PDB file of N, CA and C in Angstrom:
ATOM      1  N   MET A   1      42.098 -10.276  38.579  1.00  0.00           N
ATOM      2  CA  MET A   1      41.767 -11.370  39.850  1.00  0.00           C
ATOM      3  C   MET A   1      40.442 -11.836  40.014  1.00  0.00           C
ATOM      4  N   ILE A   2      40.693 -13.119  40.824  1.00  0.00           N
ATOM      5  CA  ILE A   2      39.171 -13.823  40.567  1.00  0.00           C
ATOM      6  C   ILE A   2      39.348 -14.611  42.146  1.00  0.00           C
ATOM      7  N   ILE A   3      38.224 -14.787  42.826  1.00  0.00           N
ATOM      8  CA  ILE A   3      38.372 -15.323  43.834  1.00  0.00           C
ATOM      9  C   ILE A   3      37.944 -16.968  43.973  1.00  0.00           C
ATOM     10  N   VAL A   4      38.584 -17.829  44.260  1.00  0.00           N
ATOM     11  CA  VAL A   4      38.485 -19.222  44.093  1.00  0.00           C
ATOM     12  C   VAL A   4      38.191 -19.813  45.170  1.00  0.00           C
ATOM     13  N   SER A   5      37.074 -20.878  45.363  1.00  0.00           N
ATOM     14  CA  SER A   5      37.015 -21.736  46.676  1.00  0.00           C
ATOM     15  C   SER A   5      37.224 -23.299  45.736  1.00  0.00           C
ATOM     16  N   VAL A   6      37.655 -24.305  46.413  1.00  0.00           N
ATOM     17  CA  VAL A   6      37.393 -25.913  46.174  1.00  0.00           C
ATOM     18  C   VAL A   6      36.595 -26.396  46.975  1.00  0.00           C
ATOM     19  N   LEU A   7      35.662 -27.199  46.023  1.00  0.00           N
ATOM     20  CA  LEU A   7      34.960 -28.265  47.059  1.00  0.00           C
ATOM     21  C   LEU A   7      34.689 -29.605  46.106  1.00  0.00           C
ATOM     22  N   ARG A   8      35.283 -30.422  47.028  1.00  0.00           N
ATOM     23  CA  ARG A   8      35.639 -31.556  46.911  1.00  0.00           C
ATOM     24  C   ARG A   8      34.515 -32.528  48.034  1.00  0.00           C
ATOM     25  N   GLN A   9      33.203 -32.710  47.376  1.00  0.00           N
ATOM     26  CA  GLN A   9      32.086 -33.009  47.953  1.00  0.00           C
ATOM     27  C   GLN A   9      32.615 -34.425  48.957  1.00  0.00           C
ATOM     28  N   SER A  10      31.730 -34.026  50.370  1.00  0.00           N
ATOM     29  CA  SER A  10      31.877 -35.251  51.023  1.00  0.00           C
ATOM     30  C   SER A  10      30.628 -35.493  52.120  1.00  0.00           C
ATOM     31  N   LYS A  11      30.730 -36.343  53.319  1.00  0.00           N
ATOM     32  CA  LYS A  11      29.915 -35.977  54.280  1.00  0.00           C
ATOM     33  C   LYS A  11      30.118 -34.613  54.797  1.00  0.00           C
ATOM     34  N   ASP A  12      31.073 -34.176  55.016  1.00  0.00           N
ATOM     35  CA  ASP A  12      31.351 -32.851  55.682  1.00  0.00           C
ATOM     36  C   ASP A  12      30.864 -31.674  54.819  1.00  0.00           C
ATOM     37  N   PHE A  13      31.483 -31.582  53.835  1.00  0.00           N
ATOM     38  CA  PHE A  13      31.251 -30.427  53.006  1.00  0.00           C
ATOM     39  C   PHE A  13      30.299 -30.773  51.647  1.00  0.00           C
ATOM     40  N   THR A  14      29.251 -29.936  51.585  1.00  0.00           N
ATOM     41  CA  THR A  14      28.268 -29.864  50.244  1.00  0.00           C
ATOM     42  C   THR A  14      28.399 -28.920  49.473  1.00  0.00           C
ATOM     43  N   THR A  15      27.486 -28.541  48.568  1.00  0.00           N
ATOM     44  CA  THR A  15      27.628 -27.581  47.749  1.00  0.00           C
ATOM     45  C   THR A  15      26.573 -26.725  48.641  1.00  0.00           C
ATOM     46  N   LYS A  16      26.109 -26.970  49.552  1.00  0.00           N
ATOM     47  CA  LYS A  16      25.649 -25.689  50.343  1.00  0.00           C
ATOM     48  C   LYS A  16      26.435 -24.678  50.628  1.00  0.00           C
ATOM     49  N   HIS A  17      27.410 -25.557  51.178  1.00  0.00           N
ATOM     50  CA  HIS A  17      28.869 -24.375  51.509  1.00  0.00           C
ATOM     51  C   HIS A  17      29.179 -23.851  50.608  1.00  0.00           C
ATOM     52  N   ALA A  18      29.222 -24.168  49.210  1.00  0.00           N
ATOM     53  CA  ALA A  18      29.712 -23.266  48.160  1.00  0.00           C
ATOM     54  C   ALA A  18      28.572 -22.359  47.960  1.00  0.00           C
ATOM     55  N   GLN A  19      27.452 -22.619  47.849  1.00  0.00           N
ATOM     56  CA  GLN A  19      26.678 -21.566  48.147  1.00  0.00           C
ATOM     57  C   GLN A  19      26.609 -20.263  49.103  1.00  0.00           C
ATOM     58  N   TRP A  20      26.918 -20.871  50.068  1.00  0.00           N
ATOM     59  CA  TRP A  20      26.682 -20.094  51.149  1.00  0.00           C
ATOM     60  C   TRP A  20      28.057 -19.031  50.820  1.00  0.00           C
ATOM     61  N   LEU A  21      29.175 -19.519  50.628  1.00  0.00           N
ATOM     62  CA  LEU A  21      30.216 -18.793  50.456  1.00  0.00           C
ATOM     63  C   LEU A  21      30.281 -17.809  49.411  1.00  0.00           C
ATOM     64  N   HIS A  22      29.559 -18.201  47.923  1.00  0.00           N
ATOM     65  CA  HIS A  22      29.603 -17.502  47.063  1.00  0.00           C
ATOM     66  C   HIS A  22      28.715 -16.411  47.022  1.00  0.00           C
ATOM     67  N   LYS A  23      27.421 -16.665  47.842  1.00  0.00           N
ATOM     68  CA  LYS A  23      26.602 -15.701  48.063  1.00  0.00           C
ATOM     69  C   LYS A  23      27.124 -14.588  48.896  1.00  0.00           C
ATOM     70  N   GLN A  24      28.282 -14.483  49.891  1.00  0.00           N
ATOM     71  CA  GLN A  24      28.616 -13.473  50.322  1.00  0.00           C
ATOM     72  C   GLN A  24      29.937 -12.678  49.081  1.00  0.00           C
ATOM     73  N   LEU A  25      30.230 -13.097  47.949  1.00  0.00           N
ATOM     74  CA  LEU A  25      30.949 -12.729  47.508  1.00  0.00           C
ATOM     75  C   LEU A  25      30.303 -12.143  46.360  1.00  0.00           C
ATOM     76  N   LYS A  26      29.122 -11.762  46.536  1.00  0.00           N
ATOM     77  CA  LYS A  26      28.606 -11.267  44.991  1.00  0.00           C
ATOM     78  C   LYS A  26      29.074  -9.802  45.159  1.00  0.00           C
ATOM     79  N   GLY A  27      29.436  -9.212  43.713  1.00  0.00           N
ATOM     80  CA  GLY A  27      30.302  -8.171  43.002  1.00  0.00           C
ATOM     81  C   GLY A  27      31.810  -8.414  43.060  1.00  0.00           C
ATOM     82  N   TYR A  28      32.029  -9.502  43.408  1.00  0.00           N
ATOM     83  CA  TYR A  28      33.385 -10.412  42.844  1.00  0.00           C
ATOM     84  C   TYR A  28      33.477 -11.312  41.854  1.00  0.00           C
ATOM     85  N   ASP A  29      34.324 -11.532  40.560  1.00  0.00           N
ATOM     86  CA  ASP A  29      34.357 -12.393  40.057  1.00  0.00           C
ATOM     87  C   ASP A  29      34.850 -13.377  40.835  1.00  0.00           C
ATOM     88  N   SER A  30      34.330 -14.839  40.985  1.00  0.00           N
ATOM     89  CA  SER A  30      34.540 -15.667  41.500  1.00  0.00           C
ATOM     90  C   SER A  30      34.076 -17.201  41.211  1.00  0.00           C
ATOM     91  N   VAL A  31      34.489 -18.345  41.509  1.00  0.00           N
ATOM     92  CA  VAL A  31      34.456 -19.837  40.801  1.00  0.00           C
ATOM     93  C   VAL A  31      34.370 -20.809  41.861  1.00  0.00           C
ATOM     94  N   CYS A  32      34.098 -21.726  41.968  1.00  0.00           N
ATOM     95  CA  CYS A  32      34.063 -22.676  43.098  1.00  0.00           C
ATOM     96  C   CYS A  32      34.882 -24.082  41.854  1.00  0.00           C
ATOM     97  N   LEU A  33      36.116 -24.361  42.026  1.00  0.00           N
ATOM     98  CA  LEU A  33      36.459 -25.926  41.625  1.00  0.00           C
ATOM     99  C   LEU A  33      36.185 -26.885  42.217  1.00  0.00           C
ATOM    100  N   THR A  34      35.196 -27.452  41.380  1.00  0.00           N
ATOM    101  CA  THR A  34      34.138 -28.771  42.075  1.00  0.00           C
ATOM    102  C   THR A  34      34.011 -29.827  41.323  1.00  0.00           C
ATOM    103  N   ASP A  35      33.582 -30.876  42.302  1.00  0.00           N
ATOM    104  CA  ASP A  35      33.572 -32.213  41.509  1.00  0.00           C
ATOM    105  C   ASP A  35      32.179 -32.627  41.132  1.00  0.00           C
ATOM    106  N   ALA A  36      31.256 -31.248  41.644  1.00  0.00           N
ATOM    107  CA  ALA A  36      29.755 -30.958  41.575  1.00  0.00           C
ATOM    108  C   ALA A  36      29.278 -30.779  40.032  1.00  0.00           C
ATOM    109  N   LEU A  37      28.380 -31.441  39.236  1.00  0.00           N
ATOM    110  CA  LEU A  37      28.015 -31.035  38.157  1.00  0.00           C
ATOM    111  C   LEU A  37      27.564 -29.710  37.929  1.00  0.00           C
ATOM    112  N   LYS A  38      27.115 -29.170  38.721  1.00  0.00           N
ATOM    113  CA  LYS A  38      26.467 -27.844  38.920  1.00  0.00           C
ATOM    114  C   LYS A  38      26.039 -27.596  40.206  1.00  0.00           C
ATOM    115  N   ILE A  39      26.229 -26.466  40.516  1.00  0.00           N
ATOM    116  CA  ILE A  39      25.733 -25.705  41.969  1.00  0.00           C
ATOM    117  C   ILE A  39      25.068 -24.170  41.610  1.00  0.00           C
ATOM    118  N   LYS A  40      23.435 -24.475  42.146  1.00  0.00           N
ATOM    119  CA  LYS A  40      22.726 -23.279  41.850  1.00  0.00           C
ATOM    120  C   LYS A  40      23.335 -22.043  42.443  1.00  0.00           C
ATOM    121  N   GLY A  41      23.318 -21.150  41.512  1.00  0.00           N
ATOM    122  CA  GLY A  41      23.831 -19.697  42.057  1.00  0.00           C
ATOM    123  C   GLY A  41      25.304 -19.566  41.847  1.00  0.00           C
ATOM    124  N   VAL A  42      26.126 -20.697  41.530  1.00  0.00           N
ATOM    125  CA  VAL A  42      27.832 -20.454  41.704  1.00  0.00           C
ATOM    126  C   VAL A  42      28.637 -20.927  40.548  1.00  0.00           C
ATOM    127  N   ASN A  43      29.594 -20.288  39.923  1.00  0.00           N
ATOM    128  CA  ASN A  43      30.152 -20.288  38.713  1.00  0.00           C
ATOM    129  C   ASN A  43      31.233 -21.671  39.114  1.00  0.00           C
ATOM    130  N   THR A  44      31.110 -22.294  38.542  1.00  0.00           N
ATOM    131  CA  THR A  44      31.999 -23.535  38.759  1.00  0.00           C
ATOM    132  C   THR A  44      32.729 -24.078  37.862  1.00  0.00           C
ATOM    133  N   ALA A  45      33.801 -24.463  37.765  1.00  0.00           N
ATOM    134  CA  ALA A  45      34.373 -25.427  36.936  1.00  0.00           C
ATOM    135  C   ALA A  45      35.265 -26.704  37.452  1.00  0.00           C
ATOM    136  N   PRO A  46      35.357 -27.672  36.492  1.00  0.00           N
ATOM    137  CA  PRO A  46      35.714 -29.077  37.289  1.00  0.00           C
ATOM    138  C   PRO A  46      36.876 -29.125  37.930  1.00  0.00           C
ATOM    139  N   LEU A  47      37.017 -29.852  38.930  1.00  0.00           N
ATOM    140  CA  LEU A  47      38.239 -30.324  39.638  1.00  0.00           C
ATOM    141  C   LEU A  47      38.750 -31.058  38.419  1.00  0.00           C
ATOM    142  N   LEU A  48      40.239 -31.324  38.070  1.00  0.00           N
ATOM    143  CA  LEU A  48      40.669 -31.692  36.889  1.00  0.00           C
ATOM    144  C   LEU A  48      41.235 -33.108  37.476  1.00  0.00           C
ATOM    145  N   TYR A  49      41.873 -33.557  38.654  1.00  0.00           N
ATOM    146  CA  TYR A  49      42.169 -34.543  39.217  1.00  0.00           C
ATOM    147  C   TYR A  49      41.338 -35.214  40.322  1.00  0.00           C
ATOM    148  N   ASP A  50      41.521 -36.127  40.697  1.00  0.00           N
ATOM    149  CA  ASP A  50      40.854 -36.782  41.714  1.00  0.00           C
ATOM    150  C   ASP A  50      41.633 -37.161  42.677  1.00  0.00           C
ATOM    151  N   TRP A  51      42.362 -35.610  43.537  1.00  0.00           N
ATOM    152  CA  TRP A  51      42.973 -35.780  44.600  1.00  0.00           C
ATOM    153  C   TRP A  51      41.723 -35.706  45.923  1.00  0.00           C
ATOM    154  N   PRO A  52      42.256 -36.669  46.771  1.00  0.00           N
ATOM    155  CA  PRO A  52      40.889 -36.493  48.061  1.00  0.00           C
ATOM    156  C   PRO A  52      41.048 -35.364  48.797  1.00  0.00           C
ATOM    157  N   GLY A  53      39.991 -34.950  49.323  1.00  0.00           N
ATOM    158  CA  GLY A  53      39.781 -34.083  50.279  1.00  0.00           C
ATOM    159  C   GLY A  53      40.100 -32.625  50.142  1.00  0.00           C
ATOM    160  N   TRP A  54      40.816 -32.380  50.927  1.00  0.00           N
ATOM    161  CA  TRP A  54      41.694 -30.834  50.766  1.00  0.00           C
ATOM    162  C   TRP A  54      42.962 -30.898  50.105  1.00  0.00           C
ATOM    163  N   TRP A  55      43.539 -32.118  49.755  1.00  0.00           N
ATOM    164  CA  TRP A  55      44.224 -31.912  48.201  1.00  0.00           C
ATOM    165  C   TRP A  55      44.258 -31.505  47.230  1.00  0.00           C
ATOM    166  N   ALA A  56      42.835 -31.272  46.682  1.00  0.00           N
ATOM    167  CA  ALA A  56      42.173 -30.841  45.642  1.00  0.00           C
ATOM    168  C   ALA A  56      42.645 -29.365  45.743  1.00  0.00           C
ATOM    169  N   LYS A  57      43.036 -28.404  46.502  1.00  0.00           N
ATOM    170  CA  LYS A  57      43.671 -27.386  46.777  1.00  0.00           C
ATOM    171  C   LYS A  57      44.774 -27.241  45.712  1.00  0.00           C
ATOM    172  N   LEU A  58      45.396 -28.351  45.732  1.00  0.00           N
ATOM    173  CA  LEU A  58      46.807 -28.325  44.966  1.00  0.00           C
ATOM    174  C   LEU A  58      46.334 -27.672  43.356  1.00  0.00           C
ATOM    175  N   GLU A  59      45.476 -27.833  42.798  1.00  0.00           N
ATOM    176  CA  GLU A  59      44.884 -27.387  41.537  1.00  0.00           C
ATOM    177  C   GLU A  59      44.910 -25.949  41.404  1.00  0.00           C
ATOM    178  N   LEU A  60      45.070 -24.958  42.539  1.00  0.00           N
ATOM    179  CA  LEU A  60      44.802 -23.707  42.389  1.00  0.00           C
ATOM    180  C   LEU A  60      46.434 -23.145  41.800  1.00  0.00           C
ATOM    181  N   PHE A  61      47.419 -24.229  41.940  1.00  0.00           N
ATOM    182  CA  PHE A  61      48.843 -23.754  41.526  1.00  0.00           C
ATOM    183  C   PHE A  61      49.138 -24.717  40.241  1.00  0.00           C
ATOM    184  N   ASN A  62      47.993 -24.859  39.284  1.00  0.00           N
ATOM    185  CA  ASN A  62      48.361 -25.605  38.276  1.00  0.00           C
ATOM    186  C   ASN A  62      48.189 -24.233  37.083  1.00  0.00           C
ATOM    187  N   PRO A  63      49.417 -23.796  36.479  1.00  0.00           N
ATOM    188  CA  PRO A  63      49.449 -22.511  35.315  1.00  0.00           C
ATOM    189  C   PRO A  63      48.777 -23.001  34.308  1.00  0.00           C
ATOM    190  N   LEU A  64      48.527 -24.278  33.967  1.00  0.00           N
ATOM    191  CA  LEU A  64      48.099 -24.664  32.621  1.00  0.00           C
ATOM    192  C   LEU A  64      46.234 -24.871  33.118  1.00  0.00           C
ATOM    193  N   HIS A  65      45.929 -24.398  34.347  1.00  0.00           N
ATOM    194  CA  HIS A  65      44.274 -24.786  34.492  1.00  0.00           C
ATOM    195  C   HIS A  65      43.661 -24.189  33.494  1.00  0.00           C
ATOM    196  N   PRO A  66      42.728 -24.348  32.864  1.00  0.00           N
ATOM    197  CA  PRO A  66      41.799 -24.066  31.815  1.00  0.00           C
ATOM    198  C   PRO A  66      40.986 -22.636  32.016  1.00  0.00           C
ATOM    199  N   VAL A  67      40.662 -22.453  33.496  1.00  0.00           N
ATOM    200  CA  VAL A  67      39.665 -21.460  33.683  1.00  0.00           C
ATOM    201  C   VAL A  67      40.606 -20.281  34.809  1.00  0.00           C
ATOM    202  N   LEU A  68      41.778 -20.903  35.507  1.00  0.00           N
ATOM    203  CA  LEU A  68      42.361 -19.986  36.432  1.00  0.00           C
ATOM    204  C   LEU A  68      43.635 -19.339  35.425  1.00  0.00           C
ATOM    205  N   GLY A  69      44.194 -20.295  34.860  1.00  0.00           N
ATOM    206  CA  GLY A  69      44.981 -19.502  33.717  1.00  0.00           C
ATOM    207  C   GLY A  69      46.301 -18.798  34.533  1.00  0.00           C
ATOM    208  N   ASN A  70      46.724 -17.672  33.844  1.00  0.00           N
ATOM    209  CA  ASN A  70      47.486 -16.988  34.474  1.00  0.00           C
ATOM    210  C   ASN A  70      46.739 -15.916  35.502  1.00  0.00           C
ATOM    211  N   GLU A  71      45.666 -16.295  35.861  1.00  0.00           N
ATOM    212  CA  GLU A  71      44.874 -15.050  36.950  1.00  0.00           C
ATOM    213  C   GLU A  71      45.601 -14.847  38.183  1.00  0.00           C
ATOM    214  N   ASP A  72      45.264 -13.677  38.590  1.00  0.00           N
ATOM    215  CA  ASP A  72      45.728 -13.413  40.183  1.00  0.00           C
ATOM    216  C   ASP A  72      44.708 -14.315  41.037  1.00  0.00           C
ATOM    217  N   ILE A  73      45.083 -14.844  41.799  1.00  0.00           N
ATOM    218  CA  ILE A  73      43.809 -15.811  42.712  1.00  0.00           C
ATOM    219  C   ILE A  73      43.804 -15.471  43.864  1.00  0.00           C
ATOM    220  N   LEU A  74      42.388 -14.935  44.517  1.00  0.00           N
ATOM    221  CA  LEU A  74      42.515 -15.080  46.067  1.00  0.00           C
ATOM    222  C   LEU A  74      41.589 -16.464  46.678  1.00  0.00           C
ATOM    223  N   TYR A  75      42.066 -17.415  46.929  1.00  0.00           N
ATOM    224  CA  TYR A  75      41.331 -18.094  47.504  1.00  0.00           C
ATOM    225  C   TYR A  75      41.039 -18.404  48.812  1.00  0.00           C
ATOM    226  N   ILE A  76      39.750 -18.734  49.119  1.00  0.00           N
ATOM    227  CA  ILE A  76      39.149 -18.526  50.545  1.00  0.00           C
ATOM    228  C   ILE A  76      38.513 -20.187  50.747  1.00  0.00           C
ATOM    229  N   ASP A  77      38.613 -20.505  51.561  1.00  0.00           N
ATOM    230  CA  ASP A  77      38.241 -22.012  52.356  1.00  0.00           C
ATOM    231  C   ASP A  77      37.027 -21.898  52.191  1.00  0.00           C
ATOM    232  N   ILE A  78      36.155 -23.100  51.548  1.00  0.00           N
ATOM    233  CA  ILE A  78      34.597 -23.429  51.223  1.00  0.00           C
ATOM    234  C   ILE A  78      33.979 -23.130  52.180  1.00  0.00           C
ATOM    235  N   ASP A  79      34.583 -23.230  53.874  1.00  0.00           N
ATOM    236  CA  ASP A  79      33.763 -23.340  55.104  1.00  0.00           C
ATOM    237  C   ASP A  79      34.348 -21.800  55.847  1.00  0.00           C
ATOM    238  N   SER A  80      34.596 -20.727  54.717  1.00  0.00           N
ATOM    239  CA  SER A  80      34.289 -19.561  55.432  1.00  0.00           C
ATOM    240  C   SER A  80      33.721 -18.563  55.744  1.00  0.00           C
ATOM    241  N   VAL A  81      33.234 -17.622  56.457  1.00  0.00           N
ATOM    242  CA  VAL A  81      32.133 -16.968  56.495  1.00  0.00           C
ATOM    243  C   VAL A  81      33.126 -15.541  56.432  1.00  0.00           C
ATOM    244  N   ILE A  82      32.339 -14.329  55.780  1.00  0.00           N
ATOM    245  CA  ILE A  82      32.759 -13.213  55.463  1.00  0.00           C
ATOM    246  C   ILE A  82      32.272 -12.290  56.291  1.00  0.00           C
ATOM    247  N   VAL A  83      32.943 -11.545  57.179  1.00  0.00           N
ATOM    248  CA  VAL A  83      32.658 -10.729  57.987  1.00  0.00           C
ATOM    249  C   VAL A  83      32.992  -9.249  58.146  1.00  0.00           C
ATOM    250  N   GLY A  84      33.532  -8.992  56.644  1.00  0.00           N
ATOM    251  CA  GLY A  84      33.800  -7.510  56.760  1.00  0.00           C
ATOM    252  C   GLY A  84      34.134  -7.213  55.142  1.00  0.00           C
ATOM    253  N   ASP A  85      34.857  -6.053  54.789  1.00  0.00           N
ATOM    254  CA  ASP A  85      35.213  -5.788  53.626  1.00  0.00           C
ATOM    255  C   ASP A  85      36.124  -6.744  53.064  1.00  0.00           C
ATOM    256  N   ILE A  86      36.358  -7.389  52.059  1.00  0.00           N
ATOM    257  CA  ILE A  86      37.739  -8.044  51.347  1.00  0.00           C
ATOM    258  C   ILE A  86      38.185  -7.506  50.655  1.00  0.00           C
ATOM    259  N   THR A  87      38.196  -6.040  50.061  1.00  0.00           N
ATOM    260  CA  THR A  87      38.413  -5.669  49.007  1.00  0.00           C
ATOM    261  C   THR A  87      40.493  -5.727  49.342  1.00  0.00           C
ATOM    262  N   PRO A  88      40.722  -4.997  50.359  1.00  0.00           N
ATOM    263  CA  PRO A  88      42.247  -5.130  50.716  1.00  0.00           C
ATOM    264  C   PRO A  88      42.918  -6.527  50.466  1.00  0.00           C
ATOM    265  N   LEU A  89      41.982  -7.556  50.442  1.00  0.00           N
ATOM    266  CA  LEU A  89      42.667  -9.043  50.217  1.00  0.00           C
ATOM    267  C   LEU A  89      42.838  -8.953  48.439  1.00  0.00           C
ATOM    268  N   THR A  90      41.780  -8.120  48.239  1.00  0.00           N
ATOM    269  CA  THR A  90      41.909  -8.527  46.895  1.00  0.00           C
ATOM    270  C   THR A  90      42.684  -7.640  45.788  1.00  0.00           C
ATOM    271  N   THR A  91      43.654  -6.581  46.470  1.00  0.00           N
ATOM    272  CA  THR A  91      44.611  -6.131  45.956  1.00  0.00           C
ATOM    273  C   THR A  91      46.131  -6.127  46.204  1.00  0.00           C
ATOM    274  N   MET A  92      46.054  -7.437  46.768  1.00  0.00           N
ATOM    275  CA  MET A  92      47.436  -7.748  47.529  1.00  0.00           C
ATOM    276  C   MET A  92      48.271  -7.901  46.071  1.00  0.00           C
ATOM    277  N   LYS A  93      49.711  -7.763  46.259  1.00  0.00           N
ATOM    278  CA  LYS A  93      50.465  -7.828  45.082  1.00  0.00           C
ATOM    279  C   LYS A  93      51.635  -9.043  45.079  1.00  0.00           C
ATOM    280  N   LYS A  94      51.682  -9.718  46.416  1.00  0.00           N
ATOM    281  CA  LYS A  94      52.481 -10.659  46.718  1.00  0.00           C
ATOM    282  C   LYS A  94      51.679 -12.038  47.488  1.00  0.00           C
ATOM    283  N   ILE A  95      52.585 -13.131  47.443  1.00  0.00           N
ATOM    284  CA  ILE A  95      52.057 -14.289  48.039  1.00  0.00           C
ATOM    285  C   ILE A  95      51.625 -13.701  49.327  1.00  0.00           C
ATOM    286  N   THR A  96      50.284 -14.082  49.530  1.00  0.00           N
ATOM    287  CA  THR A  96      50.105 -13.717  51.354  1.00  0.00           C
ATOM    288  C   THR A  96      48.812 -15.182  51.823  1.00  0.00           C
ATOM    289  N   LEU A  97      49.394 -15.258  52.935  1.00  0.00           N
ATOM    290  CA  LEU A  97      48.913 -16.850  53.436  1.00  0.00           C
ATOM    291  C   LEU A  97      48.311 -16.084  54.634  1.00  0.00           C
ATOM    292  N   LEU A  98      46.948 -16.754  55.297  1.00  0.00           N
ATOM    293  CA  LEU A  98      46.657 -16.708  56.474  1.00  0.00           C
ATOM    294  C   LEU A  98      47.594 -17.092  57.511  1.00  0.00           C
ATOM    295  N   ASN A  99      47.751 -16.346  58.971  1.00  0.00           N
ATOM    296  CA  ASN A  99      48.198 -17.106  59.862  1.00  0.00           C
ATOM    297  C   ASN A  99      47.421 -17.993  60.722  1.00  0.00           C
ATOM    298  N   ASP A 100      48.387 -18.944  61.210  1.00  0.00           N
ATOM    299  CA  ASP A 100      47.824 -19.976  61.800  1.00  0.00           C
ATOM    300  C   ASP A 100      47.145 -19.746  63.337  1.00  0.00           C
ATOM    301  N   PHE A 101      45.841 -19.015  63.453  1.00  0.00           N
ATOM    302  CA  PHE A 101      45.494 -18.755  64.744  1.00  0.00           C
ATOM    303  C   PHE A 101      44.992 -19.497  65.609  1.00  0.00           C
ATOM    304  N   SER A 102      45.281 -21.239  65.176  1.00  0.00           N
ATOM    305  CA  SER A 102      44.639 -22.125  65.983  1.00  0.00           C
ATOM    306  C   SER A 102      45.435 -22.367  66.957  1.00  0.00           C
ATOM    307  N   GLN A 103      46.615 -22.189  66.933  1.00  0.00           N
ATOM    308  CA  GLN A 103      47.760 -22.369  68.007  1.00  0.00           C
ATOM    309  C   GLN A 103      47.951 -21.219  68.781  1.00  0.00           C
ATOM    310  N   HIS A 104      47.202 -20.975  69.900  1.00  0.00           N
ATOM    311  CA  HIS A 104      47.561 -19.802  70.745  1.00  0.00           C
ATOM    312  C   HIS A 104      48.953 -19.822  71.570  1.00  0.00           C
ATOM    313  N   GLY A 105      49.737 -19.087  71.127  1.00  0.00           N
ATOM    314  CA  GLY A 105      50.761 -19.001  72.000  1.00  0.00           C
ATOM    315  C   GLY A 105      52.232 -19.519  71.265  1.00  0.00           C
ATOM    316  N   ALA A 106      51.550 -20.468  70.136  1.00  0.00           N
ATOM    317  CA  ALA A 106      52.919 -20.931  69.608  1.00  0.00           C
ATOM    318  C   ALA A 106      53.344 -20.268  68.217  1.00  0.00           C
ATOM    319  N   SER A 107      54.566 -20.431  67.899  1.00  0.00           N
ATOM    320  CA  SER A 107      55.042 -19.511  66.722  1.00  0.00           C
ATOM    321  C   SER A 107      54.095 -19.453  65.849  1.00  0.00           C
ATOM    322  N   VAL A 108      53.986 -18.390  65.074  1.00  0.00           N
ATOM    323  CA  VAL A 108      53.160 -18.385  63.863  1.00  0.00           C
ATOM    324  C   VAL A 108      53.672 -18.810  62.882  1.00  0.00           C
ATOM    325  N   ALA A 109      52.367 -19.703  62.125  1.00  0.00           N
ATOM    326  CA  ALA A 109      52.741 -20.528  60.996  1.00  0.00           C
ATOM    327  C   ALA A 109      51.942 -20.063  60.029  1.00  0.00           C
ATOM    328  N   PRO A 110      52.319 -20.435  58.617  1.00  0.00           N
ATOM    329  CA  PRO A 110      51.218 -20.184  57.748  1.00  0.00           C
ATOM    330  C   PRO A 110      49.985 -21.249  57.661  1.00  0.00           C
ATOM    331  N   ALA A 111      49.017 -20.350  57.197  1.00  0.00           N
ATOM    332  CA  ALA A 111      47.744 -21.500  56.992  1.00  0.00           C
ATOM    333  C   ALA A 111      47.174 -21.409  55.698  1.00  0.00           C
ATOM    334  N   THR A 112      46.574 -22.640  55.204  1.00  0.00           N
ATOM    335  CA  THR A 112      45.904 -22.189  53.901  1.00  0.00           C
ATOM    336  C   THR A 112      44.471 -21.916  53.525  1.00  0.00           C
ATOM    337  N   GLY A 113      43.572 -21.350  54.630  1.00  0.00           N
ATOM    338  CA  GLY A 113      42.362 -21.057  54.252  1.00  0.00           C
ATOM    339  C   GLY A 113      41.888 -19.836  53.522  1.00  0.00           C
ATOM    340  N   ILE A 114      43.029 -19.108  53.559  1.00  0.00           N
ATOM    341  CA  ILE A 114      42.839 -17.802  52.655  1.00  0.00           C
ATOM    342  C   ILE A 114      44.536 -17.745  52.168  1.00  0.00           C
ATOM    343  N   MET A 115      44.290 -17.449  50.643  1.00  0.00           N
ATOM    344  CA  MET A 115      45.572 -17.626  50.292  1.00  0.00           C
ATOM    345  C   MET A 115      45.590 -16.465  48.818  1.00  0.00           C
ATOM    346  N   PHE A 116      46.450 -15.721  48.580  1.00  0.00           N
ATOM    347  CA  PHE A 116      46.440 -14.741  47.495  1.00  0.00           C
ATOM    348  C   PHE A 116      48.015 -15.126  46.680  1.00  0.00           C
TER     349      PHE A 116
END
């Protein structure tokens, strides 16, 4: 199992976001798929396609990806903050998505901020 983030650099998201997230993931195997050439302190792999913004997340689903391959993946959005033990998330055995908590009172819909 590998923890993966995706960074397509923009005015809103920079290498500092990747450094912050991956610093919180010490002790876990993790990688950031990115268009940055290098990010200090973060294992990186290049984005293979030039999809804009959050569309770059689609690369997570490429079964031929040279780094991700057949690995089980726990994806965490680049702007996430880890506030507790994520071990239970790393042991999932079936597809799992975050619930969309931003629509209070609405029907529950899946969100892509965390995916296994």
